[in-house]
Amino acid sequence: MREIAAQDVEQAVRDLCVRACCRLPEDVRAGIYAAREGEPWPVARDVLGTITRNIEVVEADDVPVPLCQDTGMACVFVELGQEVHVRGDLGTAIDRGVRAGYAEGYLRKSMVRDPLRRENTRDNTPALVTYDVVPGDALRITVAPKGAGSENMSRVRMLAPAAGIDGVRDFVVEAVREAGPNPCPPVVVGVGIGANFDHVASLAKRALLRDLDAPNPDPFYAELERELLERVNALGIGPQGFGGRTTALAVHVEARPTHIACLPVAVNINCHVARHAEVVL
């Protein structure tokens, strides 16, 4: 049994919060630059140019600077190896790490204590944590700050199985069309299919963590991702809603088994600042 101190988890989460909010993953950065180079519409190309200049200004600063003013909810994904024992309270350590990261990184604190009595917690806690127990003796932590502009465009629909793949395609495209410019395109679209009402939403959010250039390993779903990306970009919403070729940088699908009478589908959209950072302890 391998031991990891809760203090090490706290420090890791602190660093991940700052890194995720201030530096784009390389695959997202490359996707935005490629979209700019391939965009024929002058207005859209200019908008993408502004986005890339923002990235460059942030990268050039010696002091970490957030890529976006909405530094989001701290969504934390934990893969805990079965042979790992965390010495101390894991959940408390994660919240302490978020608290330290958002304070020391001068990141905006956006969490309210209650959804209807909207008092700000003033430290961006509690974190929204998803736990998975996996084989091995490692602890993988991924922090994915999620802003409200894109999160508010999320959709879940319990389709009838008879709707089939065409119903899934239509629902995903409809969700992006209805979102329009609100999630700050070009977006990344996470799609969950299967499981049940609550798990399908989690699948859609997990899909956003995959590298842009990493298709679903199942050729059937990889082809569905390609078709959906083509249809979404054909909407012509374009960067920041000004029209153009690139409405989405990628569409990623995750699927799981479900009940014979169910076909749950969830869509979770990320803005072009598709932030996440991870570490393995």
Protein backbone atom coordinates (compact mmCIF):
# COMPACT_ATOMS: atom_id res chain seq x y z
CA MET A 1 0.00 0.00 0.00
CA ARG A 2 1.41 3.37 -1.07
CA GLU A 3 0.77 6.43 1.10
CA ILE A 4 0.24 9.98 -0.17
CA ALA A 5 -0.02 12.87 2.28
CA ALA A 6 -3.12 15.05 2.08
CA GLN A 7 -0.79 18.07 2.03
CA ASP A 8 0.68 16.84 -1.27
CA VAL A 9 -2.82 16.64 -2.72
CA GLU A 10 -3.56 20.17 -1.50
CA GLN A 11 -0.43 21.58 -3.14
CA ALA A 12 -1.10 19.70 -6.38
CA VAL A 13 -4.66 21.04 -6.61
CA ARG A 14 -3.45 24.55 -5.82
CA ASP A 15 -0.93 24.41 -8.69
CA LEU A 16 -3.45 22.84 -11.09
CA CYS A 17 -6.03 25.56 -10.47
CA VAL A 18 -3.56 28.29 -11.40
CA ARG A 19 -2.11 26.40 -14.36
CA ALA A 20 -5.49 25.43 -15.80
CA CYS A 21 -6.85 28.99 -15.59
CA CYS A 22 -3.72 30.60 -17.04
CA ARG A 23 -2.41 28.20 -19.70
CA LEU A 24 -4.31 26.41 -22.48
CA PRO A 25 -3.55 22.74 -23.10
CA GLU A 26 -1.30 22.48 -26.15
CA ASP A 27 -3.91 20.61 -28.21
CA VAL A 28 -6.50 23.37 -27.69
CA ARG A 29 -3.94 26.07 -28.43
CA ALA A 30 -2.94 24.31 -31.66
CA GLY A 31 -6.59 23.84 -32.65
CA ILE A 32 -7.33 27.55 -32.32
CA TYR A 33 -4.27 28.53 -34.36
CA ALA A 34 -5.18 25.99 -37.06
CA ALA A 35 -8.73 27.37 -37.18
CA ARG A 36 -7.35 30.87 -37.70
CA GLU A 37 -5.10 29.76 -40.55
CA GLY A 38 -7.92 27.87 -42.26
CA GLU A 39 -10.62 30.53 -41.89
CA PRO A 40 -11.55 32.26 -45.18
CA TRP A 41 -14.10 34.71 -43.68
CA PRO A 42 -12.19 37.94 -42.79
CA VAL A 43 -14.33 38.82 -39.78
CA ALA A 44 -13.96 35.33 -38.30
CA ARG A 45 -10.23 35.31 -39.01
CA ASP A 46 -9.89 38.65 -37.22
CA VAL A 47 -11.80 37.33 -34.19
CA LEU A 48 -9.57 34.25 -34.06
CA GLY A 49 -6.59 36.59 -34.36
CA THR A 50 -7.79 38.45 -31.27
CA ILE A 51 -8.14 35.15 -29.41
CA THR A 52 -4.61 34.06 -30.35
CA ARG A 53 -3.20 37.46 -29.34
CA ASN A 54 -4.86 37.04 -25.95
CA ILE A 55 -3.18 33.64 -25.61
CA GLU A 56 0.20 35.12 -26.51
CA VAL A 57 -0.13 38.05 -24.10
CA VAL A 58 -0.96 35.67 -21.26
CA GLU A 59 1.92 33.34 -22.14
CA ALA A 60 4.41 36.22 -22.29
CA ASP A 61 3.62 37.45 -18.78
CA ASP A 62 5.96 36.25 -16.03
CA VAL A 63 3.09 36.37 -13.55
CA PRO A 64 0.28 33.87 -14.27
CA VAL A 65 -2.68 35.73 -15.76
CA PRO A 66 -6.11 34.13 -16.34
CA LEU A 67 -7.06 33.50 -19.96
CA CYS A 68 -10.65 34.50 -19.15
CA GLN A 69 -12.22 36.60 -16.40
CA ASP A 70 -14.59 33.72 -15.60
CA THR A 71 -12.23 31.33 -13.86
CA GLY A 72 -15.09 28.95 -13.36
CA MET A 73 -16.26 26.27 -11.00
CA ALA A 74 -13.41 24.01 -9.88
CA CYS A 75 -14.41 20.69 -11.43
CA VAL A 76 -11.97 18.07 -10.11
CA PHE A 77 -11.66 14.52 -11.42
CA VAL A 78 -9.90 12.06 -9.12
CA GLU A 79 -8.68 8.61 -10.17
CA LEU A 80 -7.64 6.89 -6.95
CA GLY A 81 -5.57 3.73 -7.29
CA GLN A 82 -6.73 0.78 -5.17
CA GLU A 83 -3.24 0.49 -3.72
CA VAL A 84 -3.13 4.12 -2.55
CA HIS A 85 -3.93 5.41 0.91
CA VAL A 86 -4.30 9.16 1.35
CA ARG A 87 -3.07 10.15 4.79
CA GLY A 88 -5.68 12.70 5.82
CA ASP A 89 -9.05 13.74 4.41
CA LEU A 90 -8.94 13.76 0.61
CA GLY A 91 -12.00 15.96 0.08
CA THR A 92 -10.79 18.54 2.58
CA ALA A 93 -7.37 18.60 0.93
CA ILE A 94 -8.95 19.26 -2.47
CA ASP A 95 -11.01 22.16 -1.12
CA ARG A 96 -7.96 23.61 0.60
CA GLY A 97 -6.04 23.39 -2.66
CA VAL A 98 -8.82 25.19 -4.53
CA ARG A 99 -9.00 27.85 -1.83
CA ALA A 100 -5.25 28.45 -1.98
CA GLY A 101 -5.07 28.38 -5.78
CA TYR A 102 -7.87 30.88 -6.28
CA ALA A 103 -6.52 33.20 -3.58
CA GLU A 104 -2.82 33.09 -4.51
CA GLY A 105 -3.54 33.15 -8.25
CA TYR A 106 -5.92 36.13 -7.91
CA LEU A 107 -8.59 34.10 -9.68
CA ARG A 108 -12.24 35.17 -9.59
CA LYS A 109 -14.28 33.40 -6.92
CA SER A 110 -17.65 32.49 -8.39
CA MET A 111 -19.25 29.85 -6.15
CA VAL A 112 -22.36 30.69 -4.14
CA ARG A 113 -23.19 28.80 -0.96
CA ASP A 114 -26.79 28.10 -1.95
CA PRO A 115 -28.41 28.24 -5.41
CA LEU A 116 -31.31 30.42 -4.24
CA ARG A 117 -29.76 32.35 -1.31
CA ARG A 118 -26.83 33.52 -3.39
CA GLU A 119 -24.09 34.37 -0.90
CA ASN A 120 -20.62 34.01 -2.42
CA THR A 121 -18.35 31.57 -0.55
CA ARG A 122 -15.46 33.98 -1.33
CA ASP A 123 -12.93 31.20 -1.98
CA ASN A 124 -14.46 29.27 -4.92
CA THR A 125 -15.15 26.22 -2.78
CA PRO A 126 -16.61 23.72 -2.59
CA ALA A 127 -14.94 21.94 -5.47
CA LEU A 128 -17.17 19.74 -7.64
CA VAL A 129 -15.37 16.41 -7.34
CA THR A 130 -15.84 13.19 -9.30
CA TYR A 131 -14.15 10.12 -7.81
CA ASP A 132 -13.17 6.90 -9.56
CA VAL A 133 -11.40 3.97 -7.95
CA VAL A 134 -9.01 2.37 -10.44
CA PRO A 135 -6.32 -0.34 -10.36
CA GLY A 136 -2.77 0.63 -9.39
CA ASP A 137 -0.84 2.70 -6.88
CA ALA A 138 -1.17 6.19 -8.40
CA LEU A 139 -3.44 9.15 -7.80
CA ARG A 140 -4.40 11.15 -10.90
CA ILE A 141 -5.98 14.57 -10.35
CA THR A 142 -7.47 16.65 -13.17
CA VAL A 143 -8.75 20.18 -12.59
CA ALA A 144 -11.10 21.53 -15.26
CA PRO A 145 -12.41 25.03 -14.41
CA LYS A 146 -15.82 25.47 -16.05
CA GLY A 147 -17.29 28.90 -16.75
CA ALA A 148 -21.01 29.63 -16.58
CA GLY A 149 -21.45 30.97 -20.11
CA SER A 150 -20.77 27.55 -21.61
CA GLU A 151 -22.12 25.47 -18.71
CA ASN A 152 -25.51 27.18 -19.00
CA MET A 153 -25.81 25.83 -22.54
CA SER A 154 -25.79 22.21 -21.31
CA ARG A 155 -28.68 19.99 -22.34
CA VAL A 156 -29.99 16.52 -21.36
CA ARG A 157 -32.71 14.70 -23.22
CA MET A 158 -34.19 11.26 -22.56
CA LEU A 159 -34.82 10.08 -26.10
CA ALA A 160 -36.88 7.04 -26.98
CA PRO A 161 -34.69 4.23 -28.34
CA ALA A 162 -36.64 4.48 -31.60
CA ALA A 163 -35.05 7.91 -32.14
CA GLY A 164 -31.81 6.08 -32.92
CA ILE A 165 -28.64 7.68 -34.18
CA ASP A 166 -30.55 10.27 -36.22
CA GLY A 167 -32.28 11.50 -33.07
CA VAL A 168 -28.93 11.78 -31.31
CA ARG A 169 -27.40 13.71 -34.20
CA ASP A 170 -30.35 16.10 -34.39
CA PHE A 171 -30.36 16.76 -30.64
CA VAL A 172 -26.63 17.56 -30.51
CA VAL A 173 -26.82 19.94 -33.47
CA GLU A 174 -29.97 21.55 -32.05
CA ALA A 175 -28.18 22.14 -28.71
CA VAL A 176 -25.28 23.91 -30.41
CA ARG A 177 -27.62 25.93 -32.64
CA GLU A 178 -29.65 27.10 -29.65
CA ALA A 179 -26.47 27.98 -27.77
CA GLY A 180 -25.41 30.29 -30.60
CA PRO A 181 -22.69 32.74 -29.53
CA ASN A 182 -23.40 32.39 -25.79
CA PRO A 183 -20.66 29.81 -25.00
CA CYS A 184 -17.94 31.89 -26.74
CA PRO A 185 -17.22 29.76 -29.81
CA PRO A 186 -15.24 28.12 -31.26
CA VAL A 187 -16.38 25.54 -28.73
CA VAL A 188 -15.56 21.99 -27.77
CA VAL A 189 -18.68 19.82 -27.56
CA GLY A 190 -18.85 16.92 -25.13
CA VAL A 191 -21.59 14.36 -25.79
CA GLY A 192 -22.67 11.58 -23.45
CA ILE A 193 -24.86 8.72 -24.69
CA GLY A 194 -26.33 5.95 -22.56
CA ALA A 195 -26.23 5.08 -18.85
CA ASN A 196 -29.04 6.99 -17.06
CA PHE A 197 -30.16 10.57 -16.36
CA ASP A 198 -27.38 11.54 -13.97
CA HIS A 199 -24.51 9.48 -15.41
CA VAL A 200 -25.03 10.66 -18.98
CA ALA A 201 -24.29 14.25 -17.93
CA SER A 202 -21.06 13.11 -16.31
CA LEU A 203 -20.10 11.31 -19.52
CA ALA A 204 -20.58 14.51 -21.51
CA LYS A 205 -18.32 16.46 -19.16
CA ARG A 206 -15.65 13.77 -19.19
CA ALA A 207 -15.65 13.88 -22.99
CA LEU A 208 -14.34 17.45 -22.74
CA LEU A 209 -11.13 16.21 -21.09
CA ARG A 210 -9.99 14.26 -24.13
CA ASP A 211 -7.32 15.77 -26.40
CA LEU A 212 -8.86 17.44 -29.45
CA ASP A 213 -6.94 15.16 -31.79
CA ALA A 214 -7.89 11.95 -29.93
CA PRO A 215 -11.02 10.41 -31.50
CA ASN A 216 -13.14 7.83 -29.72
CA PRO A 217 -11.28 4.49 -29.92
CA ASP A 218 -14.44 2.81 -31.23
CA PRO A 219 -14.56 3.46 -35.02
CA PHE A 220 -18.35 3.69 -34.90
CA TYR A 221 -18.27 6.58 -32.42
CA ALA A 222 -15.23 8.15 -34.07
CA GLU A 223 -17.27 8.40 -37.27
CA LEU A 224 -20.20 9.86 -35.33
CA GLU A 225 -17.85 12.50 -33.89
CA ARG A 226 -16.67 13.38 -37.41
CA GLU A 227 -20.23 13.67 -38.71
CA LEU A 228 -21.34 15.81 -35.77
CA LEU A 229 -18.36 18.16 -36.12
CA GLU A 230 -19.15 18.61 -39.80
CA ARG A 231 -22.81 19.38 -39.10
CA VAL A 232 -22.02 21.73 -36.22
CA ASN A 233 -19.54 23.72 -38.30
CA ALA A 234 -22.05 23.87 -41.14
CA LEU A 235 -24.27 25.96 -38.84
CA GLY A 236 -22.06 28.94 -39.62
CA ILE A 237 -22.21 30.41 -36.10
CA GLY A 238 -18.46 30.90 -36.22
CA PRO A 239 -16.01 32.45 -33.74
CA GLN A 240 -17.86 34.50 -31.13
CA GLY A 241 -21.00 34.21 -33.27
CA PHE A 242 -19.79 36.43 -36.13
CA GLY A 243 -20.06 33.68 -38.74
CA GLY A 244 -17.36 31.56 -40.28
CA ARG A 245 -16.12 28.05 -40.84
CA THR A 246 -15.26 27.10 -37.26
CA THR A 247 -18.06 26.89 -34.73
CA ALA A 248 -16.49 23.92 -32.93
CA LEU A 249 -12.91 22.74 -32.61
CA ALA A 250 -14.02 19.19 -31.79
CA VAL A 251 -16.98 17.01 -30.86
CA HIS A 252 -16.20 14.16 -28.48
CA VAL A 253 -18.60 11.35 -27.67
CA GLU A 254 -18.56 8.98 -24.68
CA ALA A 255 -21.04 6.11 -24.57
CA ARG A 256 -22.04 3.56 -21.90
CA PRO A 257 -24.55 0.70 -21.61
CA THR A 258 -28.14 1.66 -20.82
CA HIS A 259 -31.60 0.20 -20.19
CA ILE A 260 -33.48 -1.38 -23.10
CA ALA A 261 -36.14 1.35 -22.88
CA CYS A 262 -33.72 4.30 -22.59
CA LEU A 263 -31.60 6.47 -24.86
CA PRO A 264 -30.24 9.29 -22.67
CA VAL A 265 -28.16 11.98 -24.42
CA ALA A 266 -26.32 14.89 -22.82
CA VAL A 267 -24.47 17.80 -24.39
CA ASN A 268 -21.89 19.78 -22.41
CA ILE A 269 -20.29 22.67 -24.28
CA ASN A 270 -16.93 24.24 -23.45
CA CYS A 271 -15.87 27.68 -24.64
CA HIS A 272 -12.69 28.13 -26.68
CA VAL A 273 -10.82 28.44 -23.37
CA ALA A 274 -11.17 24.67 -22.92
CA ARG A 275 -9.14 24.50 -19.73
CA HIS A 276 -7.86 21.47 -17.88
CA ALA A 277 -4.63 20.39 -16.24
CA GLU A 278 -3.65 17.15 -14.55
CA VAL A 279 -0.96 15.57 -12.42
CA VAL A 280 -0.21 12.03 -11.29
CA LEU A 281 1.03 11.61 -7.71
